[in-house]
N, C-alpha and C. Protein backbone atom coordinates (compact mmCIF):
# COMPACT_ATOMS: atom_id res chain seq x y z
N MET A 1 -14.64 33.18 -13.20
CA MET A 1 -13.34 33.47 -13.78
C MET A 1 -12.37 32.33 -13.48
N LEU A 2 -11.61 31.93 -14.46
CA LEU A 2 -10.72 30.77 -14.34
C LEU A 2 -9.73 30.95 -13.19
N GLN A 3 -9.14 32.12 -13.09
CA GLN A 3 -8.16 32.38 -12.05
C GLN A 3 -8.76 32.15 -10.66
N THR A 4 -9.98 32.63 -10.45
CA THR A 4 -10.66 32.45 -9.17
C THR A 4 -10.92 30.98 -8.89
N GLN A 5 -11.33 30.23 -9.91
CA GLN A 5 -11.57 28.79 -9.75
C GLN A 5 -10.29 28.07 -9.33
N ILE A 6 -9.19 28.41 -9.97
CA ILE A 6 -7.90 27.77 -9.66
C ILE A 6 -7.49 28.07 -8.22
N ILE A 7 -7.61 29.34 -7.82
CA ILE A 7 -7.25 29.73 -6.46
C ILE A 7 -8.13 29.02 -5.44
N THR A 8 -9.42 28.90 -5.74
CA THR A 8 -10.34 28.21 -4.84
C THR A 8 -9.96 26.74 -4.69
N ILE A 9 -9.63 26.10 -5.80
CA ILE A 9 -9.23 24.69 -5.77
C ILE A 9 -7.96 24.52 -4.94
N ILE A 10 -6.99 25.41 -5.12
CA ILE A 10 -5.75 25.34 -4.34
C ILE A 10 -6.06 25.47 -2.85
N SER A 11 -6.90 26.44 -2.48
CA SER A 11 -7.19 26.64 -1.07
C SER A 11 -7.95 25.45 -0.48
N GLU A 12 -8.80 24.81 -1.28
CA GLU A 12 -9.52 23.63 -0.79
C GLU A 12 -8.57 22.45 -0.60
N ILE A 13 -7.65 22.24 -1.55
CA ILE A 13 -6.69 21.14 -1.43
C ILE A 13 -5.77 21.36 -0.23
N LYS A 14 -5.36 22.60 -0.01
CA LYS A 14 -4.49 22.92 1.12
C LYS A 14 -5.29 23.02 2.42
N ASN A 15 -6.61 23.06 2.31
CA ASN A 15 -7.49 23.25 3.47
C ASN A 15 -7.12 24.54 4.22
N GLU A 16 -6.88 25.59 3.41
CA GLU A 16 -6.53 26.90 3.95
C GLU A 16 -7.37 27.96 3.25
N PRO A 17 -8.57 28.23 3.79
CA PRO A 17 -9.47 29.21 3.14
C PRO A 17 -8.85 30.59 2.97
N ASP A 18 -7.89 30.96 3.83
CA ASP A 18 -7.25 32.28 3.73
C ASP A 18 -6.50 32.48 2.42
N LEU A 19 -6.12 31.38 1.78
CA LEU A 19 -5.37 31.51 0.52
C LEU A 19 -6.18 32.23 -0.56
N THR A 20 -7.50 32.13 -0.51
CA THR A 20 -8.31 32.80 -1.54
C THR A 20 -8.12 34.31 -1.47
N ALA A 21 -7.74 34.83 -0.32
CA ALA A 21 -7.53 36.27 -0.17
C ALA A 21 -6.08 36.67 -0.46
N THR A 22 -5.15 35.73 -0.37
CA THR A 22 -3.74 36.10 -0.52
C THR A 22 -3.15 35.74 -1.87
N LEU A 23 -3.68 34.72 -2.54
CA LEU A 23 -3.13 34.33 -3.84
C LEU A 23 -3.66 35.24 -4.95
N THR A 24 -2.80 35.51 -5.93
CA THR A 24 -3.18 36.31 -7.09
C THR A 24 -2.73 35.58 -8.35
N GLY A 25 -3.00 36.16 -9.49
CA GLY A 25 -2.56 35.57 -10.74
C GLY A 25 -1.06 35.44 -10.84
N ALA A 26 -0.34 36.30 -10.14
CA ALA A 26 1.12 36.28 -10.18
C ALA A 26 1.72 35.30 -9.17
N SER A 27 0.91 34.72 -8.31
CA SER A 27 1.40 33.82 -7.27
C SER A 27 2.01 32.55 -7.86
N ASP A 28 3.16 32.17 -7.35
CA ASP A 28 3.81 30.92 -7.71
C ASP A 28 3.07 29.78 -7.02
N MET A 29 2.69 28.77 -7.78
CA MET A 29 1.84 27.71 -7.24
C MET A 29 2.58 26.79 -6.28
N LEU A 30 3.89 26.69 -6.40
CA LEU A 30 4.64 25.85 -5.48
C LEU A 30 5.16 26.65 -4.29
N ASN A 31 5.73 27.82 -4.56
CA ASN A 31 6.34 28.59 -3.47
C ASN A 31 5.31 29.42 -2.69
N ASP A 32 4.45 30.16 -3.39
CA ASP A 32 3.48 31.01 -2.69
C ASP A 32 2.31 30.20 -2.14
N ALA A 33 1.79 29.28 -2.95
CA ALA A 33 0.66 28.47 -2.50
C ALA A 33 1.13 27.33 -1.61
N GLY A 34 2.38 26.91 -1.79
CA GLY A 34 2.95 25.88 -0.94
C GLY A 34 2.43 24.47 -1.21
N LEU A 35 2.07 24.18 -2.46
CA LEU A 35 1.61 22.83 -2.79
C LEU A 35 2.79 21.86 -2.70
N ASP A 36 2.62 20.79 -1.89
CA ASP A 36 3.64 19.76 -1.88
C ASP A 36 3.34 18.76 -2.99
N SER A 37 4.16 17.74 -3.13
CA SER A 37 4.01 16.84 -4.28
C SER A 37 2.68 16.10 -4.27
N LEU A 38 2.22 15.63 -3.12
CA LEU A 38 0.94 14.93 -3.05
C LEU A 38 -0.22 15.89 -3.34
N GLN A 39 -0.15 17.09 -2.79
CA GLN A 39 -1.19 18.09 -3.06
C GLN A 39 -1.19 18.47 -4.53
N LEU A 40 -0.03 18.52 -5.14
CA LEU A 40 0.07 18.87 -6.56
C LEU A 40 -0.63 17.81 -7.41
N ILE A 41 -0.42 16.54 -7.07
CA ILE A 41 -1.10 15.46 -7.81
C ILE A 41 -2.61 15.58 -7.63
N ASN A 42 -3.05 15.81 -6.40
CA ASN A 42 -4.49 15.98 -6.15
C ASN A 42 -5.04 17.18 -6.91
N PHE A 43 -4.25 18.25 -6.97
CA PHE A 43 -4.65 19.45 -7.70
C PHE A 43 -4.82 19.15 -9.19
N ILE A 44 -3.85 18.47 -9.78
CA ILE A 44 -3.92 18.15 -11.21
C ILE A 44 -5.12 17.25 -11.50
N LEU A 45 -5.34 16.25 -10.67
CA LEU A 45 -6.49 15.36 -10.86
C LEU A 45 -7.80 16.13 -10.76
N ARG A 46 -7.87 17.04 -9.82
CA ARG A 46 -9.07 17.86 -9.65
C ARG A 46 -9.29 18.77 -10.86
N ILE A 47 -8.21 19.34 -11.38
CA ILE A 47 -8.30 20.19 -12.57
C ILE A 47 -8.82 19.38 -13.75
N GLU A 48 -8.31 18.16 -13.90
CA GLU A 48 -8.78 17.30 -14.99
C GLU A 48 -10.28 17.04 -14.87
N ASP A 49 -10.74 16.77 -13.66
CA ASP A 49 -12.17 16.52 -13.44
C ASP A 49 -13.01 17.77 -13.68
N GLU A 50 -12.58 18.88 -13.10
CA GLU A 50 -13.36 20.12 -13.17
C GLU A 50 -13.50 20.65 -14.60
N PHE A 51 -12.42 20.55 -15.36
CA PHE A 51 -12.40 21.15 -16.69
C PHE A 51 -12.51 20.13 -17.81
N GLU A 52 -12.68 18.86 -17.42
CA GLU A 52 -12.85 17.77 -18.38
C GLU A 52 -11.74 17.78 -19.43
N ILE A 53 -10.51 17.83 -18.93
CA ILE A 53 -9.34 17.77 -19.79
C ILE A 53 -8.43 16.66 -19.27
N GLU A 54 -7.47 16.27 -20.09
CA GLU A 54 -6.47 15.30 -19.65
C GLU A 54 -5.11 15.94 -19.75
N ILE A 55 -4.37 15.89 -18.65
CA ILE A 55 -3.04 16.48 -18.62
C ILE A 55 -2.03 15.35 -18.72
N ASP A 56 -1.24 15.37 -19.78
CA ASP A 56 -0.22 14.36 -20.00
C ASP A 56 1.03 14.75 -19.22
N PHE A 57 1.35 13.97 -18.19
CA PHE A 57 2.48 14.32 -17.34
C PHE A 57 3.81 14.28 -18.10
N ASP A 58 3.87 13.53 -19.21
CA ASP A 58 5.09 13.50 -20.00
C ASP A 58 5.32 14.84 -20.71
N GLN A 59 4.24 15.54 -21.01
CA GLN A 59 4.35 16.82 -21.71
C GLN A 59 4.19 18.01 -20.78
N PHE A 60 3.80 17.74 -19.54
CA PHE A 60 3.59 18.83 -18.58
C PHE A 60 4.92 19.39 -18.13
N ASP A 61 5.04 20.69 -18.16
CA ASP A 61 6.27 21.36 -17.79
C ASP A 61 6.06 22.07 -16.46
N MET A 62 7.00 21.94 -15.55
CA MET A 62 6.87 22.59 -14.23
C MET A 62 6.79 24.12 -14.37
N GLU A 63 7.21 24.64 -15.52
CA GLU A 63 7.10 26.08 -15.75
C GLU A 63 5.65 26.54 -15.72
N HIS A 64 4.73 25.61 -16.01
CA HIS A 64 3.30 25.96 -15.97
C HIS A 64 2.86 26.33 -14.56
N LEU A 65 3.65 26.00 -13.56
CA LEU A 65 3.30 26.27 -12.17
C LEU A 65 3.96 27.54 -11.64
N GLN A 66 4.67 28.27 -12.50
CA GLN A 66 5.38 29.47 -12.05
C GLN A 66 4.42 30.55 -11.58
N SER A 67 3.23 30.58 -12.15
CA SER A 67 2.22 31.50 -11.65
C SER A 67 0.84 30.95 -11.99
N ILE A 68 -0.14 31.42 -11.27
CA ILE A 68 -1.51 30.99 -11.52
C ILE A 68 -1.96 31.42 -12.90
N ASP A 69 -1.54 32.62 -13.32
CA ASP A 69 -1.90 33.09 -14.67
C ASP A 69 -1.33 32.17 -15.76
N ILE A 70 -0.07 31.74 -15.60
CA ILE A 70 0.54 30.84 -16.58
C ILE A 70 -0.23 29.53 -16.62
N PHE A 71 -0.62 29.03 -15.43
CA PHE A 71 -1.38 27.78 -15.38
C PHE A 71 -2.75 27.96 -16.04
N CYS A 72 -3.39 29.11 -15.84
CA CYS A 72 -4.68 29.40 -16.48
C CYS A 72 -4.54 29.37 -18.00
N ASP A 73 -3.47 29.95 -18.51
CA ASP A 73 -3.21 29.93 -19.96
C ASP A 73 -3.07 28.50 -20.45
N PHE A 74 -2.37 27.68 -19.66
CA PHE A 74 -2.19 26.27 -20.01
C PHE A 74 -3.53 25.55 -20.06
N ILE A 75 -4.38 25.78 -19.07
CA ILE A 75 -5.71 25.14 -19.03
C ILE A 75 -6.55 25.60 -20.22
N GLN A 76 -6.53 26.88 -20.51
CA GLN A 76 -7.32 27.39 -21.63
C GLN A 76 -6.84 26.78 -22.95
N ALA A 77 -5.56 26.60 -23.11
CA ALA A 77 -5.02 25.98 -24.33
C ALA A 77 -5.47 24.52 -24.42
N LYS A 78 -5.49 23.81 -23.28
CA LYS A 78 -5.91 22.41 -23.27
C LYS A 78 -7.41 22.28 -23.52
N SER A 79 -8.18 23.28 -23.12
CA SER A 79 -9.63 23.23 -23.26
C SER A 79 -10.09 23.59 -24.66
N ALA A 80 -9.23 24.27 -25.40
CA ALA A 80 -9.61 24.75 -26.74
C ALA A 80 -9.72 23.62 -27.74
């Protein structure tokens, strides 16, 4: 499931395995997951590799990070 993959990637980047149990689809990726700017860049690069997509930072909106579900929708739209 996409949501589970995203949560796993976040927990690996943060090096906090407990996040897989606490994050949900409604979790805010910056506030709840606590991704800092460097981790966010690593996260985006990892997403591009994992899903074989390219994320254009000029068109990327920080609103996509408001929840994991919103980010999943964004990834699915890019993959289509």
